[in-house]
Amino acid sequence: MANLTLSIDDGVLKRARIRAIEEDTSVNARVRDFLSSYADDPVTEQRKQAAAQILQLADSGHYGSGPQGRTWTRDDLYER
């Protein structure tokens, strides 16, 4: 198992230690659990796949300004 050195505000670490004691665990165990769930989060992978599908649909769609591009200006849309 690898060791990791972190720089954490003293007050934050003190509050984390108190909470860990209340939960009958350690700050080390909580950080290890967090990093494990962060690294293995399937939701993140699902989001990446969903974003890739959206981009693929956007690229394959035939929607937009048309072959000649935009033919209007902002001033054409809004009377001032």
N, C-alpha and C. Protein backbone atom coordinates (compact mmCIF):
# COMPACT_ATOMS: atom_id res chain seq x y z
N MET A 1 0.85 -1.17 0.00
CA MET A 1 0.00 0.00 0.00
C MET A 1 0.89 1.23 0.00
N ALA A 2 0.54 2.22 -0.82
CA ALA A 2 1.33 3.44 -0.94
C ALA A 2 0.98 4.43 0.16
N ASN A 3 1.92 5.29 0.48
CA ASN A 3 1.70 6.38 1.43
C ASN A 3 1.44 7.65 0.64
N LEU A 4 0.61 8.54 1.22
CA LEU A 4 0.26 9.79 0.58
C LEU A 4 0.40 10.90 1.61
N THR A 5 1.07 11.98 1.23
CA THR A 5 1.23 13.13 2.11
C THR A 5 0.33 14.25 1.61
N LEU A 6 -0.49 14.81 2.50
CA LEU A 6 -1.41 15.88 2.15
C LEU A 6 -1.14 17.10 3.02
N SER A 7 -1.42 18.27 2.46
CA SER A 7 -1.39 19.50 3.24
C SER A 7 -2.84 19.90 3.49
N ILE A 8 -3.23 19.93 4.76
CA ILE A 8 -4.61 20.23 5.14
C ILE A 8 -4.59 21.28 6.23
N ASP A 9 -5.51 22.21 6.16
CA ASP A 9 -5.65 23.23 7.18
C ASP A 9 -5.79 22.58 8.55
N ASP A 10 -5.11 23.11 9.55
CA ASP A 10 -5.13 22.53 10.90
C ASP A 10 -6.55 22.42 11.46
N GLY A 11 -7.34 23.45 11.26
CA GLY A 11 -8.71 23.43 11.77
C GLY A 11 -9.55 22.36 11.11
N VAL A 12 -9.39 22.20 9.81
CA VAL A 12 -10.13 21.18 9.08
C VAL A 12 -9.74 19.79 9.58
N LEU A 13 -8.46 19.57 9.74
CA LEU A 13 -8.00 18.26 10.22
C LEU A 13 -8.51 17.98 11.64
N LYS A 14 -8.50 18.99 12.49
CA LYS A 14 -9.00 18.80 13.86
C LYS A 14 -10.48 18.42 13.84
N ARG A 15 -11.28 19.13 13.05
CA ARG A 15 -12.71 18.80 12.96
C ARG A 15 -12.94 17.42 12.35
N ALA A 16 -12.10 17.06 11.38
CA ALA A 16 -12.22 15.74 10.76
C ALA A 16 -11.88 14.64 11.77
N ARG A 17 -10.86 14.86 12.57
CA ARG A 17 -10.50 13.87 13.60
C ARG A 17 -11.63 13.69 14.62
N ILE A 18 -12.22 14.79 15.04
CA ILE A 18 -13.33 14.72 16.00
C ILE A 18 -14.50 13.95 15.39
N ARG A 19 -14.83 14.26 14.16
CA ARG A 19 -15.95 13.55 13.50
C ARG A 19 -15.63 12.07 13.31
N ALA A 20 -14.40 11.77 12.95
CA ALA A 20 -14.00 10.37 12.78
C ALA A 20 -14.12 9.61 14.09
N ILE A 21 -13.74 10.22 15.19
CA ILE A 21 -13.88 9.58 16.50
C ILE A 21 -15.35 9.33 16.79
N GLU A 22 -16.20 10.32 16.50
CA GLU A 22 -17.64 10.16 16.72
C GLU A 22 -18.21 9.02 15.87
N GLU A 23 -17.63 8.78 14.71
CA GLU A 23 -18.11 7.73 13.81
C GLU A 23 -17.34 6.42 14.00
N ASP A 24 -16.50 6.37 15.03
CA ASP A 24 -15.72 5.17 15.35
C ASP A 24 -14.86 4.72 14.16
N THR A 25 -14.18 5.68 13.56
CA THR A 25 -13.29 5.39 12.45
C THR A 25 -12.08 6.31 12.55
N SER A 26 -11.31 6.44 11.49
CA SER A 26 -10.16 7.34 11.48
C SER A 26 -10.22 8.21 10.23
N VAL A 27 -9.51 9.32 10.28
CA VAL A 27 -9.42 10.20 9.12
C VAL A 27 -8.77 9.43 7.97
N ASN A 28 -7.77 8.66 8.27
CA ASN A 28 -7.09 7.86 7.26
C ASN A 28 -8.08 6.92 6.55
N ALA A 29 -8.91 6.24 7.32
CA ALA A 29 -9.89 5.32 6.73
C ALA A 29 -10.90 6.08 5.87
N ARG A 30 -11.34 7.25 6.34
CA ARG A 30 -12.32 8.04 5.58
C ARG A 30 -11.71 8.53 4.26
N VAL A 31 -10.46 8.99 4.29
CA VAL A 31 -9.78 9.45 3.07
C VAL A 31 -9.59 8.27 2.12
N ARG A 32 -9.18 7.12 2.65
CA ARG A 32 -9.00 5.93 1.82
C ARG A 32 -10.31 5.53 1.16
N ASP A 33 -11.41 5.53 1.94
CA ASP A 33 -12.73 5.20 1.38
C ASP A 33 -13.16 6.20 0.32
N PHE A 34 -12.93 7.48 0.60
CA PHE A 34 -13.30 8.51 -0.37
C PHE A 34 -12.54 8.32 -1.67
N LEU A 35 -11.22 8.12 -1.58
CA LEU A 35 -10.42 7.97 -2.79
C LEU A 35 -10.81 6.72 -3.58
N SER A 36 -11.15 5.66 -2.88
CA SER A 36 -11.59 4.44 -3.56
C SER A 36 -12.89 4.69 -4.33
N SER A 37 -13.85 5.32 -3.67
CA SER A 37 -15.12 5.57 -4.35
C SER A 37 -14.96 6.61 -5.45
N TYR A 38 -14.08 7.57 -5.25
CA TYR A 38 -13.82 8.60 -6.27
C TYR A 38 -13.19 7.97 -7.51
N ALA A 39 -12.24 7.09 -7.31
CA ALA A 39 -11.54 6.47 -8.42
C ALA A 39 -12.42 5.48 -9.18
N ASP A 40 -13.32 4.82 -8.49
CA ASP A 40 -14.12 3.76 -9.08
C ASP A 40 -15.56 4.17 -9.35
N ASP A 41 -15.86 5.45 -9.31
CA ASP A 41 -17.24 5.94 -9.43
C ASP A 41 -17.82 5.59 -10.79
N PRO A 42 -18.78 4.66 -10.86
CA PRO A 42 -19.38 4.30 -12.14
C PRO A 42 -20.22 5.43 -12.72
N VAL A 43 -20.71 6.32 -11.89
CA VAL A 43 -21.52 7.44 -12.37
C VAL A 43 -20.66 8.34 -13.26
N THR A 44 -19.39 8.50 -12.88
CA THR A 44 -18.49 9.32 -13.68
C THR A 44 -18.34 8.72 -15.08
N GLU A 45 -18.18 7.42 -15.15
CA GLU A 45 -18.06 6.75 -16.44
C GLU A 45 -19.35 6.89 -17.24
N GLN A 46 -20.49 6.78 -16.56
CA GLN A 46 -21.77 6.94 -17.24
C GLN A 46 -21.90 8.36 -17.79
N ARG A 47 -21.46 9.33 -17.03
CA ARG A 47 -21.52 10.72 -17.50
C ARG A 47 -20.64 10.92 -18.72
N LYS A 48 -19.45 10.33 -18.70
CA LYS A 48 -18.56 10.44 -19.85
C LYS A 48 -19.20 9.82 -21.09
N GLN A 49 -19.82 8.67 -20.92
CA GLN A 49 -20.47 8.00 -22.05
C GLN A 49 -21.66 8.83 -22.55
N ALA A 50 -22.44 9.39 -21.64
CA ALA A 50 -23.58 10.22 -22.03
C ALA A 50 -23.11 11.46 -22.77
N ALA A 51 -22.06 12.09 -22.29
CA ALA A 51 -21.53 13.28 -22.95
C ALA A 51 -21.02 12.94 -24.34
N ALA A 52 -20.35 11.80 -24.47
CA ALA A 52 -19.86 11.37 -25.78
C ALA A 52 -21.02 11.12 -26.74
N GLN A 53 -22.10 10.53 -26.25
CA GLN A 53 -23.27 10.29 -27.10
C GLN A 53 -23.90 11.61 -27.54
N ILE A 54 -23.99 12.56 -26.63
CA ILE A 54 -24.57 13.86 -26.97
C ILE A 54 -23.73 14.55 -28.04
N LEU A 55 -22.41 14.51 -27.87
CA LEU A 55 -21.53 15.14 -28.87
C LEU A 55 -21.63 14.44 -30.21
N GLN A 56 -21.75 13.12 -30.19
CA GLN A 56 -21.90 12.36 -31.43
C GLN A 56 -23.21 12.74 -32.13
N LEU A 57 -24.28 12.84 -31.36
CA LEU A 57 -25.57 13.25 -31.94
C LEU A 57 -25.49 14.66 -32.51
N ALA A 58 -24.83 15.55 -31.79
CA ALA A 58 -24.70 16.93 -32.27
C ALA A 58 -23.90 16.98 -33.56
N ASP A 59 -22.85 16.17 -33.67
CA ASP A 59 -22.04 16.15 -34.88
C ASP A 59 -22.79 15.54 -36.06
N SER A 60 -23.63 14.55 -35.78
CA SER A 60 -24.31 13.86 -36.87
C SER A 60 -25.63 14.53 -37.27
N GLY A 61 -26.10 15.47 -36.46
CA GLY A 61 -27.36 16.14 -36.76
C GLY A 61 -27.24 17.09 -37.93
N HIS A 62 -28.32 17.36 -38.56
CA HIS A 62 -28.33 18.26 -39.71
C HIS A 62 -29.04 19.56 -39.32
N TYR A 63 -28.75 20.02 -38.13
CA TYR A 63 -29.37 21.22 -37.62
C TYR A 63 -28.31 22.31 -37.50
N GLY A 64 -28.71 23.51 -37.67
CA GLY A 64 -27.77 24.60 -37.51
C GLY A 64 -28.12 25.75 -38.42
N SER A 65 -27.11 26.47 -38.84
CA SER A 65 -27.30 27.68 -39.63
C SER A 65 -27.42 27.39 -41.12
N GLY A 66 -27.28 26.15 -41.50
CA GLY A 66 -27.38 25.81 -42.92
C GLY A 66 -26.04 25.89 -43.61
N PRO A 67 -25.99 25.49 -44.86
CA PRO A 67 -24.71 25.44 -45.57
C PRO A 67 -24.09 26.82 -45.79
N GLN A 68 -24.92 27.86 -45.83
CA GLN A 68 -24.38 29.19 -46.06
C GLN A 68 -24.07 29.92 -44.76
N GLY A 69 -24.37 29.29 -43.65
CA GLY A 69 -24.10 29.92 -42.37
C GLY A 69 -25.19 30.89 -41.97
N ARG A 70 -24.97 31.57 -40.92
CA ARG A 70 -25.96 32.51 -40.39
C ARG A 70 -26.12 33.68 -41.35
N THR A 71 -27.35 34.02 -41.64
CA THR A 71 -27.62 35.13 -42.57
C THR A 71 -28.26 36.32 -41.85
N TRP A 72 -28.34 36.27 -40.53
CA TRP A 72 -28.94 37.34 -39.77
C TRP A 72 -27.95 37.85 -38.74
N THR A 73 -28.18 39.04 -38.28
CA THR A 73 -27.34 39.62 -37.24
C THR A 73 -28.15 39.76 -35.97
N ARG A 74 -27.50 40.07 -34.92
CA ARG A 74 -28.19 40.27 -33.65
C ARG A 74 -29.18 41.42 -33.75
N ASP A 75 -28.78 42.46 -34.45
CA ASP A 75 -29.66 43.62 -34.62
C ASP A 75 -30.91 43.25 -35.41
N ASP A 76 -30.81 42.28 -36.33
CA ASP A 76 -31.99 41.82 -37.09
C ASP A 76 -33.00 41.18 -36.13
N LEU A 77 -32.53 40.55 -35.09
CA LEU A 77 -33.41 39.83 -34.16
C LEU A 77 -34.05 40.75 -33.12
N TYR A 78 -33.33 41.77 -32.72
CA TYR A 78 -33.80 42.63 -31.64
C TYR A 78 -33.94 44.06 -32.13
N GLU A 79 -35.15 44.55 -32.12
CA GLU A 79 -35.38 45.95 -32.48
C GLU A 79 -34.96 46.82 -31.31
N ARG A 80 -34.28 47.86 -31.60
CA ARG A 80 -33.82 48.75 -30.52
C ARG A 80 -34.39 50.13 -30.70
